[in-house]
Amino acid sequence: MSSNAVVTIWHICIIFGPMFESNTEEKWISFYTEFSKINREFIGELSKKHRSLTSTQFKVCAYIRAGYGTDEIAKNLNITRRSAEAHSFRLRKKFRLDHAQSLVTYLNIID
């Protein structure tokens, strides 16, 4: 079993945790099922480069990579817009992006 498969299994286990209400979880599962079909390399590389991502941070990264905006991310995760912005801010900090680097661009070049 490749390390990418192990990492992906790890993320799936986290995803199915009891953190979110069922409607939010159902949205995520539906999204992730389709997202993972065309973004396997991204999922593996993101997980390898940033092993300390929480399940919510991973979800925010996936939604950003798929082109979702802050309001859409907030709605899908059942959080406030401000919370979604805070997640993005913390991700920029965790990824050590400087002010000139875009989180969207950073996530889109990972493969």
PDB file of N, CA and C in Angstrom:
ATOM      1  N   MET A   1       0.854  -1.177   0.000  1.00  0.00           N
ATOM      2  CA  MET A   1       0.000   0.000   0.000  1.00  0.00           C
ATOM      3  C   MET A   1       0.894   1.232   0.000  1.00  0.00           C
ATOM      4  N   SER A   2       0.638   2.141  -0.917  1.00  0.00           N
ATOM      5  CA  SER A   2       1.469   3.339  -1.029  1.00  0.00           C
ATOM      6  C   SER A   2       1.199   4.298   0.116  1.00  0.00           C
ATOM      7  N   SER A   3       2.152   5.205   0.340  1.00  0.00           N
ATOM      8  CA  SER A   3       1.964   6.190   1.406  1.00  0.00           C
ATOM      9  C   SER A   3       0.792   7.113   1.103  1.00  0.00           C
ATOM     10  N   ASN A   4       0.525   7.393  -0.186  1.00  0.00           N
ATOM     11  CA  ASN A   4      -0.628   8.222  -0.550  1.00  0.00           C
ATOM     12  C   ASN A   4      -1.921   7.543  -0.152  1.00  0.00           C
ATOM     13  N   ALA A   5      -2.000   6.228  -0.346  1.00  0.00           N
ATOM     14  CA  ALA A   5      -3.210   5.487   0.021  1.00  0.00           C
ATOM     15  C   ALA A   5      -3.407   5.507   1.526  1.00  0.00           C
ATOM     16  N   VAL A   6      -2.317   5.352   2.271  1.00  0.00           N
ATOM     17  CA  VAL A   6      -2.409   5.378   3.728  1.00  0.00           C
ATOM     18  C   VAL A   6      -2.890   6.744   4.201  1.00  0.00           C
ATOM     19  N   VAL A   7      -2.326   7.793   3.640  1.00  0.00           N
ATOM     20  CA  VAL A   7      -2.718   9.148   4.018  1.00  0.00           C
ATOM     21  C   VAL A   7      -4.183   9.395   3.678  1.00  0.00           C
ATOM     22  N   THR A   8      -4.610   8.947   2.501  1.00  0.00           N
ATOM     23  CA  THR A   8      -5.996   9.136   2.097  1.00  0.00           C
ATOM     24  C   THR A   8      -6.925   8.379   3.035  1.00  0.00           C
ATOM     25  N   ILE A   9      -6.583   7.160   3.401  1.00  0.00           N
ATOM     26  CA  ILE A   9      -7.394   6.397   4.351  1.00  0.00           C
ATOM     27  C   ILE A   9      -7.463   7.134   5.672  1.00  0.00           C
ATOM     28  N   TRP A  10      -6.347   7.704   6.108  1.00  0.00           N
ATOM     29  CA  TRP A  10      -6.322   8.465   7.350  1.00  0.00           C
ATOM     30  C   TRP A  10      -7.303   9.630   7.286  1.00  0.00           C
ATOM     31  N   HIS A  11      -7.301  10.366   6.178  1.00  0.00           N
ATOM     32  CA  HIS A  11      -8.217  11.496   6.037  1.00  0.00           C
ATOM     33  C   HIS A  11      -9.669  11.041   6.000  1.00  0.00           C
ATOM     34  N   ILE A  12      -9.939   9.933   5.347  1.00  0.00           N
ATOM     35  CA  ILE A  12     -11.310   9.429   5.312  1.00  0.00           C
ATOM     36  C   ILE A  12     -11.777   9.081   6.719  1.00  0.00           C
ATOM     37  N   CYS A  13     -10.906   8.494   7.529  1.00  0.00           N
ATOM     38  CA  CYS A  13     -11.278   8.179   8.912  1.00  0.00           C
ATOM     39  C   CYS A  13     -11.614   9.444   9.687  1.00  0.00           C
ATOM     40  N   ILE A  14     -10.838  10.478   9.483  1.00  0.00           N
ATOM     41  CA  ILE A  14     -11.099  11.744  10.155  1.00  0.00           C
ATOM     42  C   ILE A  14     -12.423  12.332   9.684  1.00  0.00           C
ATOM     43  N   ILE A  15     -12.666  12.260   8.408  1.00  0.00           N
ATOM     44  CA  ILE A  15     -13.861  12.842   7.810  1.00  0.00           C
ATOM     45  C   ILE A  15     -15.120  12.241   8.405  1.00  0.00           C
ATOM     46  N   PHE A  16     -15.093  10.961   8.679  1.00  0.00           N
ATOM     47  CA  PHE A  16     -16.290  10.299   9.175  1.00  0.00           C
ATOM     48  C   PHE A  16     -16.441  10.425  10.685  1.00  0.00           C
ATOM     49  N   GLY A  17     -15.604  11.231  11.308  1.00  0.00           N
ATOM     50  CA  GLY A  17     -15.732  11.474  12.742  1.00  0.00           C
ATOM     51  C   GLY A  17     -17.003  12.237  13.057  1.00  0.00           C
ATOM     52  N   PRO A  18     -17.375  12.257  14.311  1.00  0.00           N
ATOM     53  CA  PRO A  18     -18.653  12.860  14.697  1.00  0.00           C
ATOM     54  C   PRO A  18     -18.620  14.375  14.879  1.00  0.00           C
ATOM     55  N   MET A  19     -17.705  15.067  14.215  1.00  0.00           N
ATOM     56  CA  MET A  19     -17.551  16.507  14.411  1.00  0.00           C
ATOM     57  C   MET A  19     -18.716  17.333  13.884  1.00  0.00           C
ATOM     58  N   PHE A  20     -19.325  16.919  12.787  1.00  0.00           N
ATOM     59  CA  PHE A  20     -20.291  17.757  12.112  1.00  0.00           C
ATOM     60  C   PHE A  20     -21.672  17.130  12.116  1.00  0.00           C
ATOM     61  N   GLU A  21     -22.683  17.952  12.039  1.00  0.00           N
ATOM     62  CA  GLU A  21     -24.032  17.422  11.933  1.00  0.00           C
ATOM     63  C   GLU A  21     -24.173  16.665  10.623  1.00  0.00           C
ATOM     64  N   SER A  22     -25.140  15.764  10.544  1.00  0.00           N
ATOM     65  CA  SER A  22     -25.207  14.829   9.426  1.00  0.00           C
ATOM     66  C   SER A  22     -25.359  15.520   8.072  1.00  0.00           C
ATOM     67  N   ASN A  23     -26.130  16.596   7.960  1.00  0.00           N
ATOM     68  CA  ASN A  23     -26.290  17.272   6.678  1.00  0.00           C
ATOM     69  C   ASN A  23     -24.948  17.804   6.180  1.00  0.00           C
ATOM     70  N   THR A  24     -24.179  18.380   7.066  1.00  0.00           N
ATOM     71  CA  THR A  24     -22.857  18.885   6.707  1.00  0.00           C
ATOM     72  C   THR A  24     -21.940  17.732   6.331  1.00  0.00           C
ATOM     73  N   GLU A  25     -22.020  16.654   7.085  1.00  0.00           N
ATOM     74  CA  GLU A  25     -21.200  15.484   6.796  1.00  0.00           C
ATOM     75  C   GLU A  25     -21.585  14.874   5.451  1.00  0.00           C
ATOM     76  N   GLU A  26     -22.875  14.809   5.171  1.00  0.00           N
ATOM     77  CA  GLU A  26     -23.341  14.280   3.890  1.00  0.00           C
ATOM     78  C   GLU A  26     -22.849  15.142   2.730  1.00  0.00           C
ATOM     79  N   LYS A  27     -22.891  16.462   2.897  1.00  0.00           N
ATOM     80  CA  LYS A  27     -22.376  17.365   1.860  1.00  0.00           C
ATOM     81  C   LYS A  27     -20.893  17.082   1.622  1.00  0.00           C
ATOM     82  N   TRP A  28     -20.140  16.944   2.721  1.00  0.00           N
ATOM     83  CA  TRP A  28     -18.707  16.713   2.595  1.00  0.00           C
ATOM     84  C   TRP A  28     -18.437  15.388   1.891  1.00  0.00           C
ATOM     85  N   ILE A  29     -19.104  14.340   2.286  1.00  0.00           N
ATOM     86  CA  ILE A  29     -18.879  13.024   1.682  1.00  0.00           C
ATOM     87  C   ILE A  29     -19.182  13.070   0.190  1.00  0.00           C
ATOM     88  N   SER A  30     -20.270  13.707  -0.157  1.00  0.00           N
ATOM     89  CA  SER A  30     -20.641  13.835  -1.565  1.00  0.00           C
ATOM     90  C   SER A  30     -19.573  14.621  -2.329  1.00  0.00           C
ATOM     91  N   PHE A  31     -19.157  15.742  -1.763  1.00  0.00           N
ATOM     92  CA  PHE A  31     -18.113  16.564  -2.381  1.00  0.00           C
ATOM     93  C   PHE A  31     -16.818  15.768  -2.500  1.00  0.00           C
ATOM     94  N   TYR A  32     -16.380  15.158  -1.400  1.00  0.00           N
ATOM     95  CA  TYR A  32     -15.085  14.480  -1.366  1.00  0.00           C
ATOM     96  C   TYR A  32     -15.037  13.294  -2.325  1.00  0.00           C
ATOM     97  N   THR A  33     -16.148  12.607  -2.467  1.00  0.00           N
ATOM     98  CA  THR A  33     -16.203  11.472  -3.392  1.00  0.00           C
ATOM     99  C   THR A  33     -15.838  11.914  -4.800  1.00  0.00           C
ATOM    100  N   GLU A  34     -16.420  13.010  -5.251  1.00  0.00           N
ATOM    101  CA  GLU A  34     -16.125  13.520  -6.586  1.00  0.00           C
ATOM    102  C   GLU A  34     -14.760  14.194  -6.643  1.00  0.00           C
ATOM    103  N   PHE A  35     -14.446  14.988  -5.632  1.00  0.00           N
ATOM    104  CA  PHE A  35     -13.175  15.719  -5.585  1.00  0.00           C
ATOM    105  C   PHE A  35     -11.986  14.764  -5.645  1.00  0.00           C
ATOM    106  N   SER A  36     -12.053  13.679  -4.881  1.00  0.00           N
ATOM    107  CA  SER A  36     -10.916  12.760  -4.800  1.00  0.00           C
ATOM    108  C   SER A  36     -10.670  12.019  -6.112  1.00  0.00           C
ATOM    109  N   LYS A  37     -11.688  11.892  -6.946  1.00  0.00           N
ATOM    110  CA  LYS A  37     -11.521  11.214  -8.230  1.00  0.00           C
ATOM    111  C   LYS A  37     -10.552  11.959  -9.144  1.00  0.00           C
ATOM    112  N   ILE A  38     -10.579  13.283  -9.075  1.00  0.00           N
ATOM    113  CA  ILE A  38      -9.732  14.069  -9.979  1.00  0.00           C
ATOM    114  C   ILE A  38      -8.575  14.776  -9.277  1.00  0.00           C
ATOM    115  N   ASN A  39      -8.463  14.585  -7.962  1.00  0.00           N
ATOM    116  CA  ASN A  39      -7.419  15.279  -7.205  1.00  0.00           C
ATOM    117  C   ASN A  39      -6.618  14.345  -6.305  1.00  0.00           C
ATOM    118  N   ARG A  40      -6.435  13.106  -6.720  1.00  0.00           N
ATOM    119  CA  ARG A  40      -5.704  12.136  -5.892  1.00  0.00           C
ATOM    120  C   ARG A  40      -4.281  12.602  -5.570  1.00  0.00           C
ATOM    121  N   GLU A  41      -3.598  13.110  -6.584  1.00  0.00           N
ATOM    122  CA  GLU A  41      -2.219  13.565  -6.367  1.00  0.00           C
ATOM    123  C   GLU A  41      -2.181  14.726  -5.376  1.00  0.00           C
ATOM    124  N   PHE A  42      -3.118  15.652  -5.536  1.00  0.00           N
ATOM    125  CA  PHE A  42      -3.197  16.795  -4.621  1.00  0.00           C
ATOM    126  C   PHE A  42      -3.400  16.315  -3.189  1.00  0.00           C
ATOM    127  N   ILE A  43      -4.338  15.413  -2.981  1.00  0.00           N
ATOM    128  CA  ILE A  43      -4.647  14.915  -1.637  1.00  0.00           C
ATOM    129  C   ILE A  43      -3.407  14.281  -1.012  1.00  0.00           C
ATOM    130  N   GLY A  44      -2.726  13.451  -1.782  1.00  0.00           N
ATOM    131  CA  GLY A  44      -1.519  12.805  -1.282  1.00  0.00           C
ATOM    132  C   GLY A  44      -0.406  13.782  -0.970  1.00  0.00           C
ATOM    133  N   GLU A  45      -0.152  14.705  -1.881  1.00  0.00           N
ATOM    134  CA  GLU A  45       0.925  15.685  -1.682  1.00  0.00           C
ATOM    135  C   GLU A  45       0.622  16.645  -0.532  1.00  0.00           C
ATOM    136  N   LEU A  46      -0.616  17.121  -0.455  1.00  0.00           N
ATOM    137  CA  LEU A  46      -0.985  18.016   0.643  1.00  0.00           C
ATOM    138  C   LEU A  46      -0.791  17.314   1.973  1.00  0.00           C
ATOM    139  N   SER A  47      -1.250  16.086   2.047  1.00  0.00           N
ATOM    140  CA  SER A  47      -1.127  15.316   3.289  1.00  0.00           C
ATOM    141  C   SER A  47       0.330  15.031   3.637  1.00  0.00           C
ATOM    142  N   LYS A  48       1.148  14.789   2.625  1.00  0.00           N
ATOM    143  CA  LYS A  48       2.565  14.506   2.852  1.00  0.00           C
ATOM    144  C   LYS A  48       3.313  15.767   3.294  1.00  0.00           C
ATOM    145  N   LYS A  49       3.035  16.886   2.629  1.00  0.00           N
ATOM    146  CA  LYS A  49       3.730  18.142   2.935  1.00  0.00           C
ATOM    147  C   LYS A  49       3.289  18.747   4.257  1.00  0.00           C
ATOM    148  N   HIS A  50       2.023  18.513   4.629  1.00  0.00           N
ATOM    149  CA  HIS A  50       1.452  19.164   5.813  1.00  0.00           C
ATOM    150  C   HIS A  50       0.717  18.139   6.668  1.00  0.00           C
ATOM    151  N   ARG A  51       1.488  17.309   7.323  1.00  0.00           N
ATOM    152  CA  ARG A  51       0.931  16.206   8.116  1.00  0.00           C
ATOM    153  C   ARG A  51       0.127  16.675   9.323  1.00  0.00           C
ATOM    154  N   SER A  52       0.315  17.893   9.755  1.00  0.00           N
ATOM    155  CA  SER A  52      -0.359  18.364  10.959  1.00  0.00           C
ATOM    156  C   SER A  52      -1.714  19.040  10.684  1.00  0.00           C
ATOM    157  N   LEU A  53      -2.212  18.942   9.455  1.00  0.00           N
ATOM    158  CA  LEU A  53      -3.515  19.549   9.156  1.00  0.00           C
ATOM    159  C   LEU A  53      -4.621  18.869   9.948  1.00  0.00           C
ATOM    160  N   THR A  54      -5.518  19.683  10.488  1.00  0.00           N
ATOM    161  CA  THR A  54      -6.699  19.124  11.134  1.00  0.00           C
ATOM    162  C   THR A  54      -7.683  18.721  10.046  1.00  0.00           C
ATOM    163  N   SER A  55      -8.712  17.986  10.410  1.00  0.00           N
ATOM    164  CA  SER A  55      -9.701  17.577   9.402  1.00  0.00           C
ATOM    165  C   SER A  55     -10.394  18.793   8.795  1.00  0.00           C
ATOM    166  N   THR A  56     -10.677  19.807   9.604  1.00  0.00           N
ATOM    167  CA  THR A  56     -11.321  21.013   9.076  1.00  0.00           C
ATOM    168  C   THR A  56     -10.378  21.769   8.151  1.00  0.00           C
ATOM    169  N   GLN A  57      -9.115  21.876   8.515  1.00  0.00           N
ATOM    170  CA  GLN A  57      -8.148  22.544   7.647  1.00  0.00           C
ATOM    171  C   GLN A  57      -8.019  21.805   6.320  1.00  0.00           C
ATOM    172  N   PHE A  58      -8.015  20.486   6.362  1.00  0.00           N
ATOM    173  CA  PHE A  58      -7.957  19.702   5.137  1.00  0.00           C
ATOM    174  C   PHE A  58      -9.184  19.995   4.272  1.00  0.00           C
ATOM    175  N   LYS A  59     -10.345  20.045   4.880  1.00  0.00           N
ATOM    176  CA  LYS A  59     -11.582  20.318   4.144  1.00  0.00           C
ATOM    177  C   LYS A  59     -11.541  21.705   3.511  1.00  0.00           C
ATOM    178  N   VAL A  60     -11.073  22.694   4.263  1.00  0.00           N
ATOM    179  CA  VAL A  60     -10.971  24.053   3.726  1.00  0.00           C
ATOM    180  C   VAL A  60     -10.030  24.047   2.515  1.00  0.00           C
ATOM    181  N   CYS A  61      -8.906  23.355   2.618  1.00  0.00           N
ATOM    182  CA  CYS A  61      -7.970  23.275   1.491  1.00  0.00           C
ATOM    183  C   CYS A  61      -8.637  22.645   0.272  1.00  0.00           C
ATOM    184  N   ALA A  62      -9.373  21.576   0.486  1.00  0.00           N
ATOM    185  CA  ALA A  62     -10.043  20.898  -0.625  1.00  0.00           C
ATOM    186  C   ALA A  62     -11.076  21.815  -1.271  1.00  0.00           C
ATOM    187  N   TYR A  63     -11.867  22.493  -0.456  1.00  0.00           N
ATOM    188  CA  TYR A  63     -12.868  23.411  -1.003  1.00  0.00           C
ATOM    189  C   TYR A  63     -12.214  24.557  -1.769  1.00  0.00           C
ATOM    190  N   ILE A  64     -11.119  25.099  -1.240  1.00  0.00           N
ATOM    191  CA  ILE A  64     -10.407  26.177  -1.945  1.00  0.00           C
ATOM    192  C   ILE A  64      -9.864  25.651  -3.266  1.00  0.00           C
ATOM    193  N   ARG A  65      -9.266  24.478  -3.233  1.00  0.00           N
ATOM    194  CA  ARG A  65      -8.706  23.882  -4.459  1.00  0.00           C
ATOM    195  C   ARG A  65      -9.806  23.688  -5.514  1.00  0.00           C
ATOM    196  N   ALA A  66     -11.029  23.386  -5.055  1.00  0.00           N
ATOM    197  CA  ALA A  66     -12.154  23.177  -5.971  1.00  0.00           C
ATOM    198  C   ALA A  66     -12.768  24.487  -6.448  1.00  0.00           C
ATOM    199  N   GLY A  67     -12.272  25.624  -5.941  1.00  0.00           N
ATOM    200  CA  GLY A  67     -12.739  26.913  -6.412  1.00  0.00           C
ATOM    201  C   GLY A  67     -13.840  27.542  -5.576  1.00  0.00           C
ATOM    202  N   TYR A  68     -14.109  26.991  -4.402  1.00  0.00           N
ATOM    203  CA  TYR A  68     -15.142  27.549  -3.536  1.00  0.00           C
ATOM    204  C   TYR A  68     -14.643  28.846  -2.895  1.00  0.00           C
ATOM    205  N   GLY A  69     -15.530  29.787  -2.732  1.00  0.00           N
ATOM    206  CA  GLY A  69     -15.221  31.035  -2.040  1.00  0.00           C
ATOM    207  C   GLY A  69     -15.506  30.911  -0.556  1.00  0.00           C
ATOM    208  N   THR A  70     -15.181  31.947   0.185  1.00  0.00           N
ATOM    209  CA  THR A  70     -15.345  31.946   1.637  1.00  0.00           C
ATOM    210  C   THR A  70     -16.785  31.663   2.060  1.00  0.00           C
ATOM    211  N   ASP A  71     -17.747  32.306   1.415  1.00  0.00           N
ATOM    212  CA  ASP A  71     -19.141  32.091   1.785  1.00  0.00           C
ATOM    213  C   ASP A  71     -19.587  30.655   1.529  1.00  0.00           C
ATOM    214  N   GLU A  72     -19.145  30.084   0.416  1.00  0.00           N
ATOM    215  CA  GLU A  72     -19.503  28.694   0.098  1.00  0.00           C
ATOM    216  C   GLU A  72     -18.859  27.714   1.082  1.00  0.00           C
ATOM    217  N   ILE A  73     -17.625  27.986   1.446  1.00  0.00           N
ATOM    218  CA  ILE A  73     -16.929  27.136   2.420  1.00  0.00           C
ATOM    219  C   ILE A  73     -17.649  27.191   3.754  1.00  0.00           C
ATOM    220  N   ALA A  74     -17.990  28.390   4.186  1.00  0.00           N
ATOM    221  CA  ALA A  74     -18.695  28.551   5.456  1.00  0.00           C
ATOM    222  C   ALA A  74     -20.020  27.782   5.445  1.00  0.00           C
ATOM    223  N   LYS A  75     -20.754  27.901   4.377  1.00  0.00           N
ATOM    224  CA  LYS A  75     -22.042  27.218   4.278  1.00  0.00           C
ATOM    225  C   LYS A  75     -21.866  25.702   4.317  1.00  0.00           C
ATOM    226  N   ASN A  76     -20.904  25.189   3.562  1.00  0.00           N
ATOM    227  CA  ASN A  76     -20.693  23.746   3.508  1.00  0.00           C
ATOM    228  C   ASN A  76     -20.159  23.156   4.806  1.00  0.00           C
ATOM    229  N   LEU A  77     -19.415  23.942   5.563  1.00  0.00           N
ATOM    230  CA  LEU A  77     -18.874  23.464   6.840  1.00  0.00           C
ATOM    231  C   LEU A  77     -19.756  23.848   8.021  1.00  0.00           C
ATOM    232  N   ASN A  78     -20.832  24.570   7.731  1.00  0.00           N
ATOM    233  CA  ASN A  78     -21.757  25.024   8.772  1.00  0.00           C
ATOM    234  C   ASN A  78     -21.038  25.867   9.832  1.00  0.00           C
ATOM    235  N   ILE A  79     -20.242  26.807   9.340  1.00  0.00           N
ATOM    236  CA  ILE A  79     -19.530  27.738  10.200  1.00  0.00           C
ATOM    237  C   ILE A  79     -19.806  29.151   9.694  1.00  0.00           C
ATOM    238  N   THR A  80     -19.406  30.149  10.464  1.00  0.00           N
ATOM    239  CA  THR A  80     -19.604  31.525  10.026  1.00  0.00           C
ATOM    240  C   THR A  80     -18.568  31.902   8.981  1.00  0.00           C
ATOM    241  N   ARG A  81     -18.877  32.961   8.262  1.00  0.00           N
ATOM    242  CA  ARG A  81     -17.926  33.483   7.271  1.00  0.00           C
ATOM    243  C   ARG A  81     -16.615  33.841   7.960  1.00  0.00           C
ATOM    244  N   ARG A  82     -16.728  34.441   9.128  1.00  0.00           N
ATOM    245  CA  ARG A  82     -15.546  34.849   9.890  1.00  0.00           C
ATOM    246  C   ARG A  82     -14.686  33.639  10.267  1.00  0.00           C
ATOM    247  N   SER A  83     -15.331  32.546  10.639  1.00  0.00           N
ATOM    248  CA  SER A  83     -14.589  31.325  10.968  1.00  0.00           C
ATOM    249  C   SER A  83     -13.870  30.774   9.740  1.00  0.00           C
ATOM    250  N   ALA A  84     -14.525  30.819   8.596  1.00  0.00           N
ATOM    251  CA  ALA A  84     -13.891  30.360   7.351  1.00  0.00           C
ATOM    252  C   ALA A  84     -12.680  31.242   7.032  1.00  0.00           C
ATOM    253  N   GLU A  85     -12.818  32.542   7.229  1.00  0.00           N
ATOM    254  CA  GLU A  85     -11.686  33.456   7.013  1.00  0.00           C
ATOM    255  C   GLU A  85     -10.545  33.134   7.971  1.00  0.00           C
ATOM    256  N   ALA A  86     -10.892  32.838   9.223  1.00  0.00           N
ATOM    257  CA  ALA A  86      -9.870  32.503  10.222  1.00  0.00           C
ATOM    258  C   ALA A  86      -9.140  31.219   9.842  1.00  0.00           C
ATOM    259  N   HIS A  87      -9.869  30.246   9.334  1.00  0.00           N
ATOM    260  CA  HIS A  87      -9.230  29.000   8.882  1.00  0.00           C
ATOM    261  C   HIS A  87      -8.231  29.302   7.761  1.00  0.00           C
ATOM    262  N   SER A  88      -8.633  30.136   6.817  1.00  0.00           N
ATOM    263  CA  SER A  88      -7.733  30.495   5.716  1.00  0.00           C
ATOM    264  C   SER A  88      -6.494  31.208   6.239  1.00  0.00           C
ATOM    265  N   PHE A  89      -6.689  32.121   7.182  1.00  0.00           N
ATOM    266  CA  PHE A  89      -5.566  32.845   7.777  1.00  0.00           C
ATOM    267  C   PHE A  89      -4.601  31.871   8.455  1.00  0.00           C
ATOM    268  N   ARG A  90      -5.146  30.939   9.244  1.00  0.00           N
ATOM    269  CA  ARG A  90      -4.297  29.976   9.943  1.00  0.00           C
ATOM    270  C   ARG A  90      -3.568  29.052   8.961  1.00  0.00           C
ATOM    271  N   LEU A  91      -4.234  28.717   7.868  1.00  0.00           N
ATOM    272  CA  LEU A  91      -3.574  27.892   6.853  1.00  0.00           C
ATOM    273  C   LEU A  91      -2.406  28.633   6.222  1.00  0.00           C
ATOM    274  N   ARG A  92      -2.600  29.922   5.912  1.00  0.00           N
ATOM    275  CA  ARG A  92      -1.503  30.715   5.349  1.00  0.00           C
ATOM    276  C   ARG A  92      -0.322  30.727   6.321  1.00  0.00           C
ATOM    277  N   LYS A  93      -0.629  30.865   7.598  1.00  0.00           N
ATOM    278  CA  LYS A  93       0.407  30.879   8.621  1.00  0.00           C
ATOM    279  C   LYS A  93       1.084  29.510   8.720  1.00  0.00           C
ATOM    280  N   LYS A  94       0.303  28.443   8.739  1.00  0.00           N
ATOM    281  CA  LYS A  94       0.840  27.089   8.833  1.00  0.00           C
ATOM    282  C   LYS A  94       1.711  26.750   7.624  1.00  0.00           C
ATOM    283  N   PHE A  95       1.317  27.226   6.448  1.00  0.00           N
ATOM    284  CA  PHE A  95       2.065  26.963   5.226  1.00  0.00           C
ATOM    285  C   PHE A  95       3.222  27.938   5.044  1.00  0.00           C
ATOM    286  N   ARG A  96       3.345  28.903   5.953  1.00  0.00           N
ATOM    287  CA  ARG A  96       4.405  29.915   5.928  1.00  0.00           C
ATOM    288  C   ARG A  96       4.422  30.705   4.628  1.00  0.00           C
ATOM    289  N   LEU A  97       3.235  31.121   4.209  1.00  0.00           N
ATOM    290  CA  LEU A  97       3.125  31.932   2.999  1.00  0.00           C
ATOM    291  C   LEU A  97       3.357  33.390   3.368  1.00  0.00           C
ATOM    292  N   ASP A  98       4.139  34.093   2.559  1.00  0.00           N
ATOM    293  CA  ASP A  98       4.318  35.512   2.835  1.00  0.00           C
ATOM    294  C   ASP A  98       3.126  36.289   2.269  1.00  0.00           C
ATOM    295  N   HIS A  99       3.101  37.573   2.526  1.00  0.00           N
ATOM    296  CA  HIS A  99       1.944  38.403   2.154  1.00  0.00           C
ATOM    297  C   HIS A  99       1.681  38.431   0.652  1.00  0.00           C
ATOM    298  N   ALA A 100       2.718  38.226  -0.138  1.00  0.00           N
ATOM    299  CA  ALA A 100       2.559  38.276  -1.592  1.00  0.00           C
ATOM    300  C   ALA A 100       2.022  36.957  -2.163  1.00  0.00           C
ATOM    301  N   GLN A 101       2.087  35.883  -1.377  1.00  0.00           N
ATOM    302  CA  GLN A 101       1.656  34.577  -1.867  1.00  0.00           C
ATOM    303  C   GLN A 101       0.178  34.348  -1.577  1.00  0.00           C
ATOM    304  N   SER A 102      -0.521  33.856  -2.576  1.00  0.00           N
ATOM    305  CA  SER A 102      -1.946  33.556  -2.458  1.00  0.00           C
ATOM    306  C   SER A 102      -2.138  32.116  -1.993  1.00  0.00           C
ATOM    307  N   LEU A 103      -3.041  31.906  -1.041  1.00  0.00           N
ATOM    308  CA  LEU A 103      -3.374  30.557  -0.588  1.00  0.00           C
ATOM    309  C   LEU A 103      -3.973  29.753  -1.741  1.00  0.00           C
ATOM    310  N   VAL A 104      -4.804  30.388  -2.539  1.00  0.00           N
ATOM    311  CA  VAL A 104      -5.425  29.721  -3.691  1.00  0.00           C
ATOM    312  C   VAL A 104      -4.339  29.244  -4.658  1.00  0.00           C
ATOM    313  N   THR A 105      -3.407  30.120  -4.986  1.00  0.00           N
ATOM    314  CA  THR A 105      -2.322  29.758  -5.903  1.00  0.00           C
ATOM    315  C   THR A 105      -1.475  28.635  -5.317  1.00  0.00           C
ATOM    316  N   TYR A 106      -1.145  28.752  -4.036  1.00  0.00           N
ATOM    317  CA  TYR A 106      -0.333  27.728  -3.373  1.00  0.00           C
ATOM    318  C   TYR A 106      -1.009  26.365  -3.470  1.00  0.00           C
ATOM    319  N   LEU A 107      -2.302  26.300  -3.167  1.00  0.00           N
ATOM    320  CA  LEU A 107      -3.020  25.026  -3.210  1.00  0.00           C
ATOM    321  C   LEU A 107      -3.169  24.496  -4.630  1.00  0.00           C
ATOM    322  N   ASN A 108      -3.257  25.408  -5.592  1.00  0.00           N
ATOM    323  CA  ASN A 108      -3.422  24.967  -6.981  1.00  0.00           C
ATOM    324  C   ASN A 108      -2.142  24.458  -7.622  1.00  0.00           C
ATOM    325  N   ILE A 109      -0.982  24.741  -7.014  1.00  0.00           N
ATOM    326  CA  ILE A 109       0.261  24.227  -7.601  1.00  0.00           C
ATOM    327  C   ILE A 109       0.700  22.921  -6.953  1.00  0.00           C
ATOM    328  N   ILE A 110       0.022  22.498  -5.900  1.00  0.00           N
ATOM    329  CA  ILE A 110       0.361  21.228  -5.256  1.00  0.00           C
ATOM    330  C   ILE A 110      -0.181  20.090  -6.112  1.00  0.00           C
ATOM    331  N   ASP A 111       0.705  19.168  -6.480  1.00  0.00           N
ATOM    332  CA  ASP A 111       0.294  17.955  -7.211  1.00  0.00           C
ATOM    333  C   ASP A 111       1.224  16.833  -6.971  1.00  0.00           C
TER     334      ASP A 111
END
